[in-house]
C-alpha atoms as a PDB file:
ATOM      1  CA  MET A   1     127.481  81.380 107.138  1.00  0.00           C
ATOM      2  CA  GLY A   2     124.103  83.049 105.702  1.00  0.00           C
ATOM      3  CA  ILE A   3     122.380  86.313 106.125  1.00  0.00           C
ATOM      4  CA  ILE A   4     119.507  87.237 107.759  1.00  0.00           C
ATOM      5  CA  ASN A   5     117.067  89.937 106.226  1.00  0.00           C
ATOM      6  CA  ASN A   6     115.673  91.864 109.346  1.00  0.00           C
ATOM      7  CA  PRO A   7     112.630  93.663 108.573  1.00  0.00           C
ATOM      8  CA  ASN A   8     113.206  95.958 111.498  1.00  0.00           C
ATOM      9  CA  GLY A   9     116.772  96.600 110.895  1.00  0.00           C
ATOM     10  CA  PRO A  10     120.267  95.890 109.238  1.00  0.00           C
ATOM     11  CA  ARG A  11     120.801  92.411 107.923  1.00  0.00           C
ATOM     12  CA  VAL A  12     122.760  90.161 110.068  1.00  0.00           C
ATOM     13  CA  THR A  13     124.515  86.817 109.825  1.00  0.00           C
ATOM     14  CA  LYS A  14     122.555  83.711 111.119  1.00  0.00           C
ATOM     15  CA  ARG A  15     125.760  83.356 113.487  1.00  0.00           C
ATOM     16  CA  MET A  16     125.533  86.693 114.764  1.00  0.00           C
ATOM     17  CA  ALA A  17     121.507  86.773 115.454  1.00  0.00           C
ATOM     18  CA  ARG A  18     121.553  83.342 116.997  1.00  0.00           C
ATOM     19  CA  TYR A  19     124.345  85.059 119.679  1.00  0.00           C
ATOM     20  CA  ILE A  20     122.278  87.943 120.139  1.00  0.00           C
ATOM     21  CA  HIS A  21     119.013  85.725 121.045  1.00  0.00           C
ATOM     22  CA  GLU A  22     121.004  84.044 123.358  1.00  0.00           C
ATOM     23  CA  LEU A  23     122.597  86.975 125.019  1.00  0.00           C
ATOM     24  CA  CYS A  24     118.804  88.049 125.317  1.00  0.00           C
ATOM     25  CA  SER A  25     117.950  85.235 127.671  1.00  0.00           C
ATOM     26  CA  LEU A  26     121.042  86.851 129.829  1.00  0.00           C
ATOM     27  CA  MET A  27     120.768  90.429 129.299  1.00  0.00           C
ATOM     28  CA  PRO A  28     118.130  93.157 129.181  1.00  0.00           C
ATOM     29  CA  ILE A  29     117.422  94.275 125.334  1.00  0.00           C
ATOM     30  CA  ASP A  30     118.529  97.663 125.663  1.00  0.00           C
ATOM     31  CA  GLN A  31     122.154  96.590 126.747  1.00  0.00           C
ATOM     32  CA  VAL A  32     122.064  93.811 124.097  1.00  0.00           C
ATOM     33  CA  ALA A  33     121.354  96.408 121.559  1.00  0.00           C
ATOM     34  CA  LYS A  34     123.937  98.826 122.949  1.00  0.00           C
ATOM     35  CA  HIS A  35     126.622  95.823 122.845  1.00  0.00           C
ATOM     36  CA  PHE A  36     126.088  95.415 118.932  1.00  0.00           C
ATOM     37  CA  ASN A  37     125.558  98.848 118.558  1.00  0.00           C
ATOM     38  CA  LEU A  38     121.971  98.222 117.181  1.00  0.00           C
ATOM     39  CA  ASP A  39     118.618  99.676 117.641  1.00  0.00           C
ATOM     40  CA  TRP A  40     116.654  97.560 120.369  1.00  0.00           C
ATOM     41  CA  LYS A  41     113.667  96.992 118.178  1.00  0.00           C
ATOM     42  CA  THR A  42     116.134  95.256 115.710  1.00  0.00           C
ATOM     43  CA  VAL A  43     117.315  93.109 118.688  1.00  0.00           C
ATOM     44  CA  LYS A  44     113.779  92.606 119.882  1.00  0.00           C
ATOM     45  CA  GLY A  45     113.021  91.542 116.167  1.00  0.00           C
ATOM     46  CA  ILE A  46     115.834  88.906 115.870  1.00  0.00           C
ATOM     47  CA  ASP A  47     115.098  87.292 119.303  1.00  0.00           C
ATOM     48  CA  LYS A  48     111.206  87.211 118.618  1.00  0.00           C
ATOM     49  CA  ARG A  49     111.846  85.476 115.386  1.00  0.00           C
ATOM     50  CA  PHE A  50     113.973  82.460 117.281  1.00  0.00           C
ATOM     51  CA  LEU A  51     111.556  82.267 120.537  1.00  0.00           C
ATOM     52  CA  GLU A  52     108.681  81.825 117.641  1.00  0.00           C
ATOM     53  CA  GLU A  53     110.500  78.922 116.220  1.00  0.00           C
ATOM     54  CA  LYS A  54     111.070  77.257 119.704  1.00  0.00           C
ATOM     55  CA  PHE A  55     107.546  78.143 121.179  1.00  0.00           C
ATOM     56  CA  GLY A  56     105.286  79.730 118.596  1.00  0.00           C
ATOM     57  CA  GLU A  57     102.833  76.309 118.482  1.00  0.00           C
ATOM     58  CA  THR A  58     101.454  75.514 121.993  1.00  0.00           C
ATOM     59  CA  ASP A  59     102.762  72.180 123.501  1.00  0.00           C
ATOM     60  CA  TYR A  60      99.306  70.564 125.097  1.00  0.00           C
ATOM     61  CA  THR A  61     101.440  67.662 126.624  1.00  0.00           C
ATOM     62  CA  ASN A  62     101.283  67.513 130.352  1.00  0.00           C
ATOM     63  CA  SER A  63     101.687  65.664 133.520  1.00  0.00           C
ATOM     64  CA  GLY A  64      98.005  65.217 134.273  1.00  0.00           C
ATOM     65  CA  TYR A  65      98.417  67.851 136.870  1.00  0.00           C
ATOM     66  CA  ILE A  66      98.505  71.875 136.145  1.00  0.00           C
ATOM     67  CA  ALA A  67      98.042  74.863 138.115  1.00  0.00           C
ATOM     68  CA  ILE A  68      96.136  78.002 137.067  1.00  0.00           C
ATOM     69  CA  ASP A  69      96.306  81.617 138.158  1.00  0.00           C
ATOM     70  CA  GLU A  70      96.638  85.027 136.946  1.00  0.00           C
ATOM     71  CA  VAL A  71      99.448  87.422 136.912  1.00  0.00           C
ATOM     72  CA  SER A  72      99.185  91.319 136.805  1.00  0.00           C
ATOM     73  CA  VAL A  73     100.808  92.729 133.783  1.00  0.00           C
ATOM     74  CA  GLY A  74      99.899  96.122 133.734  1.00  0.00           C
ATOM     75  CA  LYS A  75      98.045  98.938 135.711  1.00  0.00           C
ATOM     76  CA  TYR A  76      94.148  99.295 135.742  1.00  0.00           C
ATOM     77  CA  HIS A  77      93.720  95.539 136.804  1.00  0.00           C
ATOM     78  CA  LYS A  78      95.394  94.143 133.608  1.00  0.00           C
ATOM     79  CA  TYR A  79      95.870  90.207 133.923  1.00  0.00           C
ATOM     80  CA  MET A  80      97.209  87.317 132.010  1.00  0.00           C
ATOM     81  CA  THR A  81      96.315  83.669 132.772  1.00  0.00           C
ATOM     82  CA  VAL A  82      99.503  81.410 133.326  1.00  0.00           C
ATOM     83  CA  ILE A  83      98.575  77.483 133.035  1.00  0.00           C
ATOM     84  CA  LEU A  84     101.681  75.459 134.737  1.00  0.00           C
ATOM     85  CA  ASP A  85     102.495  71.919 134.422  1.00  0.00           C
ATOM     86  CA  PHE A  86     102.831  71.277 138.622  1.00  0.00           C
ATOM     87  CA  ILE A  87     104.873  68.679 138.121  1.00  0.00           C
ATOM     88  CA  THR A  88     107.636  69.893 135.528  1.00  0.00           C
ATOM     89  CA  GLY A  89     107.354  73.483 136.050  1.00  0.00           C
ATOM     90  CA  ARG A  90     106.716  74.086 132.537  1.00  0.00           C
ATOM     91  CA  VAL A  91     104.572  77.281 131.478  1.00  0.00           C
ATOM     92  CA  ILE A  92     102.300  75.142 129.343  1.00  0.00           C
ATOM     93  CA  TRP A  93     100.250  78.930 128.084  1.00  0.00           C
ATOM     94  CA  CYS A  94      99.524  82.181 128.787  1.00  0.00           C
ATOM     95  CA  GLY A  95      96.560  84.129 127.895  1.00  0.00           C
ATOM     96  CA  LYS A  96      95.007  87.773 127.967  1.00  0.00           C
ATOM     97  CA  ASP A  97      92.575  88.435 130.865  1.00  0.00           C
ATOM     98  CA  ARG A  98      91.288  85.754 133.612  1.00  0.00           C
ATOM     99  CA  LYS A  99      87.870  84.972 132.233  1.00  0.00           C
ATOM    100  CA  ALA A 100      86.553  81.741 131.356  1.00  0.00           C
ATOM    101  CA  GLU A 101      86.483  82.484 127.778  1.00  0.00           C
ATOM    102  CA  THR A 102      90.495  82.682 128.315  1.00  0.00           C
ATOM    103  CA  LEU A 103      90.325  78.964 129.313  1.00  0.00           C
ATOM    104  CA  ASP A 104      88.069  78.312 126.767  1.00  0.00           C
ATOM    105  CA  ILE A 105      90.528  79.240 123.857  1.00  0.00           C
ATOM    106  CA  PHE A 106      93.169  77.220 125.671  1.00  0.00           C
ATOM    107  CA  PHE A 107      90.994  74.134 126.059  1.00  0.00           C
ATOM    108  CA  LYS A 108      89.359  74.308 122.593  1.00  0.00           C
ATOM    109  CA  ASN A 109      92.650  73.773 120.808  1.00  0.00           C
ATOM    110  CA  MET A 110      93.927  70.614 122.960  1.00  0.00           C
ATOM    111  CA  PRO A 111      94.191  67.396 121.836  1.00  0.00           C
ATOM    112  CA  LYS A 112      91.726  65.013 123.087  1.00  0.00           C
ATOM    113  CA  LYS A 113      94.368  62.806 124.529  1.00  0.00           C
ATOM    114  CA  ASP A 114      96.146  65.285 126.538  1.00  0.00           C
ATOM    115  CA  LEU A 115      92.928  66.667 127.746  1.00  0.00           C
ATOM    116  CA  LEU A 116      91.704  63.408 128.857  1.00  0.00           C
ATOM    117  CA  ASN A 117      95.139  63.117 130.713  1.00  0.00           C
ATOM    118  CA  ILE A 118      94.313  66.258 133.177  1.00  0.00           C
ATOM    119  CA  LYS A 119      93.574  64.584 136.429  1.00  0.00           C
ATOM    120  CA  ALA A 120      93.863  67.617 138.880  1.00  0.00           C
ATOM    121  CA  VAL A 121      93.660  71.125 138.424  1.00  0.00           C
ATOM    122  CA  THR A 122      94.531  73.467 141.250  1.00  0.00           C
ATOM    123  CA  MET A 123      93.568  77.355 141.358  1.00  0.00           C
ATOM    124  CA  ASP A 124      92.157  80.169 143.444  1.00  0.00           C
ATOM    125  CA  MET A 125      88.277  80.196 144.017  1.00  0.00           C
ATOM    126  CA  TRP A 126      87.685  82.127 140.879  1.00  0.00           C
ATOM    127  CA  ASP A 127      84.363  81.236 139.324  1.00  0.00           C
ATOM    128  CA  PRO A 128      85.271  81.731 135.865  1.00  0.00           C
ATOM    129  CA  TYR A 129      88.246  79.165 136.106  1.00  0.00           C
ATOM    130  CA  ILE A 130      85.582  76.954 137.865  1.00  0.00           C
ATOM    131  CA  LYS A 131      83.484  77.478 135.080  1.00  0.00           C
ATOM    132  CA  ALA A 132      85.827  76.684 132.381  1.00  0.00           C
ATOM    133  CA  ILE A 133      87.124  73.607 134.024  1.00  0.00           C
ATOM    134  CA  LYS A 134      83.918  71.964 134.598  1.00  0.00           C
ATOM    135  CA  LYS A 135      83.360  72.503 131.215  1.00  0.00           C
ATOM    136  CA  TRP A 136      86.146  71.194 129.724  1.00  0.00           C
ATOM    137  CA  CYS A 137      87.741  68.852 132.307  1.00  0.00           C
ATOM    138  CA  PRO A 138      84.635  67.826 134.185  1.00  0.00           C
ATOM    139  CA  HIS A 139      86.571  64.265 134.611  1.00  0.00           C
ATOM    140  CA  ALA A 140      89.299  66.063 136.643  1.00  0.00           C
ATOM    141  CA  VAL A 141      89.619  66.936 140.398  1.00  0.00           C
ATOM    142  CA  ILE A 142      89.473  70.709 141.105  1.00  0.00           C
ATOM    143  CA  VAL A 143      91.774  71.504 144.262  1.00  0.00           C
ATOM    144  CA  PHE A 144      91.544  75.086 145.672  1.00  0.00           C
ATOM    145  CA  ASP A 145      94.920  76.537 146.490  1.00  0.00           C
ATOM    146  CA  LYS A 146      95.587  76.571 150.411  1.00  0.00           C
ATOM    147  CA  PHE A 147      97.541  79.518 149.900  1.00  0.00           C
ATOM    148  CA  HIS A 148      94.829  81.809 148.609  1.00  0.00           C
ATOM    149  CA  ILE A 149      92.437  80.543 150.835  1.00  0.00           C
ATOM    150  CA  ILE A 150      94.712  81.552 153.933  1.00  0.00           C
ATOM    151  CA  ALA A 151      95.064  84.946 152.031  1.00  0.00           C
ATOM    152  CA  HIS A 152      91.389  85.190 152.062  1.00  0.00           C
ATOM    153  CA  PHE A 153      91.290  84.919 155.781  1.00  0.00           C
ATOM    154  CA  ASN A 154      94.166  87.180 156.206  1.00  0.00           C
ATOM    155  CA  LYS A 155      91.796  89.861 154.929  1.00  0.00           C
ATOM    156  CA  VAL A 156      88.973  88.997 157.445  1.00  0.00           C
ATOM    157  CA  VAL A 157      91.570  89.546 160.020  1.00  0.00           C
ATOM    158  CA  ASP A 158      92.335  92.627 158.787  1.00  0.00           C
ATOM    159  CA  GLN A 159      88.624  93.574 158.319  1.00  0.00           C
ATOM    160  CA  VAL A 160      88.261  92.411 162.062  1.00  0.00           C
ATOM    161  CA  ARG A 161      90.958  94.684 163.206  1.00  0.00           C
ATOM    162  CA  ARG A 162      89.767  97.714 161.032  1.00  0.00           C
ATOM    163  CA  ASP A 163      86.262  97.247 162.306  1.00  0.00           C
ATOM    164  CA  GLU A 164      87.923  97.013 166.473  1.00  0.00           C
ATOM    165  CA  GLN A 165      89.739 100.273 165.761  1.00  0.00           C
ATOM    166  CA  SER A 166      86.721 102.154 164.772  1.00  0.00           C
ATOM    167  CA  ARG A 167      84.974 101.526 167.885  1.00  0.00           C
ATOM    168  CA  ASN A 168      84.060 104.313 169.882  1.00  0.00           C
ATOM    169  CA  ASP A 169      84.483 102.782 173.429  1.00  0.00           C
ATOM    170  CA  LEU A 170      88.121 102.777 173.043  1.00  0.00           C
ATOM    171  CA  ASP A 171      90.338 104.440 175.336  1.00  0.00           C
ATOM    172  CA  LYS A 172      93.412 106.162 174.194  1.00  0.00           C
ATOM    173  CA  GLN A 173      95.914 103.237 175.272  1.00  0.00           C
ATOM    174  CA  GLN A 174      93.506 100.818 173.368  1.00  0.00           C
ATOM    175  CA  TYR A 175      93.645 103.002 169.951  1.00  0.00           C
ATOM    176  CA  LYS A 176      97.293 103.343 170.480  1.00  0.00           C
ATOM    177  CA  THR A 177      97.977  99.446 170.832  1.00  0.00           C
ATOM    178  CA  LEU A 178      95.442  98.897 167.744  1.00  0.00           C
ATOM    179  CA  LYS A 179      97.122 101.439 165.853  1.00  0.00           C
ATOM    180  CA  ASN A 180      99.197 100.221 162.938  1.00  0.00           C
ATOM    181  CA  SER A 181      98.955  96.711 164.118  1.00  0.00           C
ATOM    182  CA  ARG A 182      98.109  95.241 160.744  1.00  0.00           C
ATOM    183  CA  TRP A 183     101.184  93.422 159.560  1.00  0.00           C
ATOM    184  CA  ILE A 184     101.966  92.010 163.155  1.00  0.00           C
ATOM    185  CA  LEU A 185      98.659  90.380 162.813  1.00  0.00           C
ATOM    186  CA  LEU A 186      99.137  88.959 159.517  1.00  0.00           C
ATOM    187  CA  LYS A 187     102.698  87.596 160.078  1.00  0.00           C
ATOM    188  CA  ASN A 188     103.131  84.151 161.208  1.00  0.00           C
ATOM    189  CA  TRP A 189     104.520  83.856 164.625  1.00  0.00           C
ATOM    190  CA  GLY A 190     107.694  82.455 163.461  1.00  0.00           C
ATOM    191  CA  ASN A 191     108.405  85.366 160.984  1.00  0.00           C
ATOM    192  CA  LEU A 192     107.665  88.140 163.752  1.00  0.00           C
ATOM    193  CA  ARG A 193     110.979  90.147 165.032  1.00  0.00           C
ATOM    194  CA  GLU A 194     111.847  89.760 168.709  1.00  0.00           C
ATOM    195  CA  LYS A 195     110.518  93.324 169.602  1.00  0.00           C
ATOM    196  CA  GLU A 196     107.321  92.655 167.611  1.00  0.00           C
ATOM    197  CA  LYS A 197     106.389  89.484 169.826  1.00  0.00           C
ATOM    198  CA  PRO A 198     105.471  91.550 173.058  1.00  0.00           C
ATOM    199  CA  ARG A 199     103.173  94.070 171.333  1.00  0.00           C
ATOM    200  CA  LEU A 200     101.380  91.482 169.404  1.00  0.00           C
ATOM    201  CA  GLU A 201     100.812  89.592 172.966  1.00  0.00           C
ATOM    202  CA  LYS A 202      99.584  92.847 174.443  1.00  0.00           C
ATOM    203  CA  LEU A 203      97.299  93.528 171.585  1.00  0.00           C
ATOM    204  CA  LEU A 204      95.758  90.027 171.822  1.00  0.00           C
ATOM    205  CA  ALA A 205      95.125  90.240 175.441  1.00  0.00           C
ATOM    206  CA  ILE A 206      93.666  93.446 175.324  1.00  0.00           C
ATOM    207  CA  ASN A 207      90.893  92.676 172.245  1.00  0.00           C
ATOM    208  CA  GLU A 208      89.022  89.432 172.454  1.00  0.00           C
ATOM    209  CA  ASN A 209      87.756  89.580 168.751  1.00  0.00           C
ATOM    210  CA  LEU A 210      91.404  90.030 167.642  1.00  0.00           C
ATOM    211  CA  TYR A 211      92.142  86.949 169.807  1.00  0.00           C
ATOM    212  CA  LYS A 212      89.552  84.864 168.635  1.00  0.00           C
ATOM    213  CA  THR A 213      90.153  85.509 164.988  1.00  0.00           C
ATOM    214  CA  TYR A 214      94.152  85.519 165.503  1.00  0.00           C
ATOM    215  CA  ILE A 215      93.551  81.604 166.887  1.00  0.00           C
ATOM    216  CA  LEU A 216      91.040  80.870 164.060  1.00  0.00           C
ATOM    217  CA  LYS A 217      93.930  81.640 161.649  1.00  0.00           C
ATOM    218  CA  ASP A 218      96.278  79.321 163.175  1.00  0.00           C
ATOM    219  CA  GLU A 219      93.305  76.666 163.644  1.00  0.00           C
ATOM    220  CA  LEU A 220      92.967  77.077 159.668  1.00  0.00           C
ATOM    221  CA  LYS A 221      96.139  76.625 158.630  1.00  0.00           C
ATOM    222  CA  LEU A 222      96.143  72.783 160.667  1.00  0.00           C
ATOM    223  CA  ILE A 223      93.402  71.715 158.266  1.00  0.00           C
ATOM    224  CA  TRP A 224      95.729  71.062 155.391  1.00  0.00           C
ATOM    225  CA  ASN A 225      97.635  68.622 157.883  1.00  0.00           C
ATOM    226  CA  ALA A 226      94.908  65.889 157.323  1.00  0.00           C
ATOM    227  CA  LYS A 227      95.873  62.822 155.994  1.00  0.00           C
ATOM    228  CA  ASN A 228      93.106  62.346 153.181  1.00  0.00           C
ATOM    229  CA  SER A 229      89.766  64.332 152.159  1.00  0.00           C
ATOM    230  CA  ARG A 230      87.912  62.566 154.927  1.00  0.00           C
ATOM    231  CA  ASP A 231      89.800  63.602 157.805  1.00  0.00           C
ATOM    232  CA  MET A 232      90.158  67.138 156.172  1.00  0.00           C
ATOM    233  CA  LYS A 233      86.212  67.583 155.486  1.00  0.00           C
ATOM    234  CA  GLU A 234      85.966  66.578 159.217  1.00  0.00           C
ATOM    235  CA  ALA A 235      88.485  68.832 160.391  1.00  0.00           C
ATOM    236  CA  LEU A 236      87.059  72.301 158.126  1.00  0.00           C
ATOM    237  CA  ASP A 237      83.374  71.416 159.786  1.00  0.00           C
ATOM    238  CA  ASN A 238      84.909  71.661 163.117  1.00  0.00           C
ATOM    239  CA  TRP A 239      86.707  74.595 162.309  1.00  0.00           C
ATOM    240  CA  CYS A 240      83.764  76.192 160.643  1.00  0.00           C
ATOM    241  CA  LEU A 241      81.475  75.558 164.051  1.00  0.00           C
ATOM    242  CA  LEU A 242      84.157  77.107 165.969  1.00  0.00           C
ATOM    243  CA  ALA A 243      84.427  80.202 163.811  1.00  0.00           C
ATOM    244  CA  LEU A 244      80.641  80.597 163.993  1.00  0.00           C
ATOM    245  CA  GLU A 245      80.892  80.589 167.537  1.00  0.00           C
ATOM    246  CA  SER A 246      82.969  83.883 167.318  1.00  0.00           C
ATOM    247  CA  GLY A 247      79.744  86.073 166.158  1.00  0.00           C
ATOM    248  CA  LEU A 248      81.888  88.078 164.299  1.00  0.00           C
ATOM    249  CA  LYS A 249      80.587  89.330 160.763  1.00  0.00           C
ATOM    250  CA  PRO A 250      83.741  88.831 158.839  1.00  0.00           C
ATOM    251  CA  VAL A 251      84.365  85.445 159.852  1.00  0.00           C
ATOM    252  CA  ILE A 252      80.756  84.762 159.275  1.00  0.00           C
ATOM    253  CA  ARG A 253      81.033  85.538 155.815  1.00  0.00           C
ATOM    254  CA  PHE A 254      84.177  83.806 155.308  1.00  0.00           C
ATOM    255  CA  VAL A 255      82.377  80.480 156.449  1.00  0.00           C
ATOM    256  CA  ALA A 256      79.670  81.007 154.235  1.00  0.00           C
ATOM    257  CA  THR A 257      82.715  81.036 151.569  1.00  0.00           C
ATOM    258  CA  VAL A 258      84.334  78.156 152.759  1.00  0.00           C
ATOM    259  CA  GLN A 259      81.031  75.797 152.433  1.00  0.00           C
ATOM    260  CA  LYS A 260      80.447  77.076 149.131  1.00  0.00           C
ATOM    261  CA  TYR A 261      83.859  76.031 147.753  1.00  0.00           C
ATOM    262  CA  LYS A 262      84.433  72.704 150.529  1.00  0.00           C
ATOM    263  CA  TYR A 263      84.133  70.479 147.460  1.00  0.00           C
ATOM    264  CA  GLY A 264      87.366  71.912 146.082  1.00  0.00           C
ATOM    265  CA  ILE A 265      89.140  72.323 149.513  1.00  0.00           C
ATOM    266  CA  ILE A 266      89.215  69.208 150.911  1.00  0.00           C
ATOM    267  CA  THR A 267      90.404  67.397 147.737  1.00  0.00           C
ATOM    268  CA  TYR A 268      93.817  68.500 148.917  1.00  0.00           C
ATOM    269  CA  GLY A 269      93.697  65.677 151.498  1.00  0.00           C
ATOM    270  CA  ASP A 270      93.858  63.077 148.880  1.00  0.00           C
ATOM    271  CA  CYS A 271      95.599  65.282 145.949  1.00  0.00           C
ATOM    272  CA  PRO A 272      97.932  67.685 147.665  1.00  0.00           C
ATOM    273  CA  ILE A 273      98.590  70.278 144.710  1.00  0.00           C
ATOM    274  CA  HIS A 274      98.663  73.810 145.085  1.00  0.00           C
ATOM    275  CA  THR A 275      99.672  76.830 142.722  1.00  0.00           C
ATOM    276  CA  SER A 276     102.587  78.193 145.190  1.00  0.00           C
ATOM    277  CA  LYS A 277     105.146  77.156 141.958  1.00  0.00           C
ATOM    278  CA  LEU A 278     103.387  79.936 140.403  1.00  0.00           C
ATOM    279  CA  GLU A 279     103.378  82.167 142.942  1.00  0.00           C
ATOM    280  CA  GLY A 280     107.092  82.173 142.552  1.00  0.00           C
ATOM    281  CA  ILE A 281     106.842  82.067 138.686  1.00  0.00           C
ATOM    282  CA  ASN A 282     104.862  85.417 138.831  1.00  0.00           C
ATOM    283  CA  ASN A 283     107.664  87.001 140.592  1.00  0.00           C
ATOM    284  CA  LYS A 284     109.927  86.020 138.149  1.00  0.00           C
ATOM    285  CA  ILE A 285     107.629  86.939 134.892  1.00  0.00           C
ATOM    286  CA  LYS A 286     107.817  90.634 136.745  1.00  0.00           C
ATOM    287  CA  GLU A 287     111.301  90.512 136.336  1.00  0.00           C
ATOM    288  CA  VAL A 288     111.161  89.385 132.676  1.00  0.00           C
ATOM    289  CA  LYS A 289     108.825  92.239 132.381  1.00  0.00           C
ATOM    290  CA  ARG A 290     111.438  94.591 133.906  1.00  0.00           C
ATOM    291  CA  ARG A 291     114.535  93.131 132.000  1.00  0.00           C
ATOM    292  CA  ALA A 292     113.047  94.457 128.336  1.00  0.00           C
ATOM    293  CA  TYR A 293     111.460  96.917 125.887  1.00  0.00           C
ATOM    294  CA  GLY A 294     108.861  95.878 123.772  1.00  0.00           C
ATOM    295  CA  TYR A 295     106.508  94.150 126.196  1.00  0.00           C
ATOM    296  CA  HIS A 296     103.730  95.992 125.269  1.00  0.00           C
ATOM    297  CA  ASP A 297     103.963  93.438 122.437  1.00  0.00           C
ATOM    298  CA  ILE A 298     102.108  90.521 124.189  1.00  0.00           C
ATOM    299  CA  ASN A 299     102.794  87.652 122.004  1.00  0.00           C
ATOM    300  CA  TYR A 300     106.817  88.498 122.469  1.00  0.00           C
ATOM    301  CA  PHE A 301     106.229  88.843 125.984  1.00  0.00           C
ATOM    302  CA  LYS A 302     104.435  85.093 126.335  1.00  0.00           C
ATOM    303  CA  LEU A 303     107.140  84.074 124.237  1.00  0.00           C
ATOM    304  CA  LYS A 304     109.794  85.465 127.034  1.00  0.00           C
ATOM    305  CA  ILE A 305     107.703  83.573 129.360  1.00  0.00           C
ATOM    306  CA  HIS A 306     107.869  80.264 127.723  1.00  0.00           C
ATOM    307  CA  GLN A 307     111.637  80.678 127.418  1.00  0.00           C
ATOM    308  CA  ALA A 308     112.152  81.708 131.526  1.00  0.00           C
ATOM    309  CA  PHE A 309     110.257  78.348 132.289  1.00  0.00           C
ATOM    310  CA  PRO A 310     110.876  75.410 130.071  1.00  0.00           C
ATOM    311  CA  GLY A 311     110.297  72.856 132.438  1.00  0.00           C
ATOM    312  CA  LEU A 312     112.615  69.620 133.602  1.00  0.00           C
END
């Protein structure tokens, strides 16, 4: 049967160790430890050893389409970069921080055949990531994630709301209608509750600037319905002209950002990839983090992420 000499605790049989490892994929570490009457550090050590055997070496093979995003792993803006195979859903790699140097670490060890296989990369409009992709994958198409872009414009909507609420010429009724209106402005119309719809209609009826911004938000989403990058460029250019006519400073600043990154927005028309899969993974990663002790051990945390997302 064999004995494993565990440096973090008592010796256990190989069969028991494997059973502990399998349970750790289903249950929180503290519950597994309680079940076997073991210290949680012992359980973690056993689980980590098995994970290192399977995921210790990075598997750089990819479908040619990858998604890059960051996930918050702690307080004070601590982030981890996660790289996902868009087609298979497998987490290829995780790295500390969200810097260009973070991706340098990933790409410098990638075999040339796997590097040249990358056809497209989807990510947010984050300059450090862009810098690294242009350095390592100049042949790949960059596709800026549509959900991040729409999320950026939601911040514009909220800024216009704050600007309007701070105006000195509002009467009491107008102020009351504007107050606490943030979430109904940011929701899609189809997601509003029935009692929220009349309030939104009233809000847009009494405030022209919010009406303009809300319409622009809906029109922005339609750009991604274009059949190809050429049509998408035309739709985006038309939207920018309409947005500039609003005369609203937050909107005008957003247009400047869109113009700067247009090259990676319109590519979606020919290569419709996005990071929405990573958004779902980010939520699961937070769940993985909550389920066990010992995730101040960043290497163990990465191994658990790989275990949770092995792909197809």
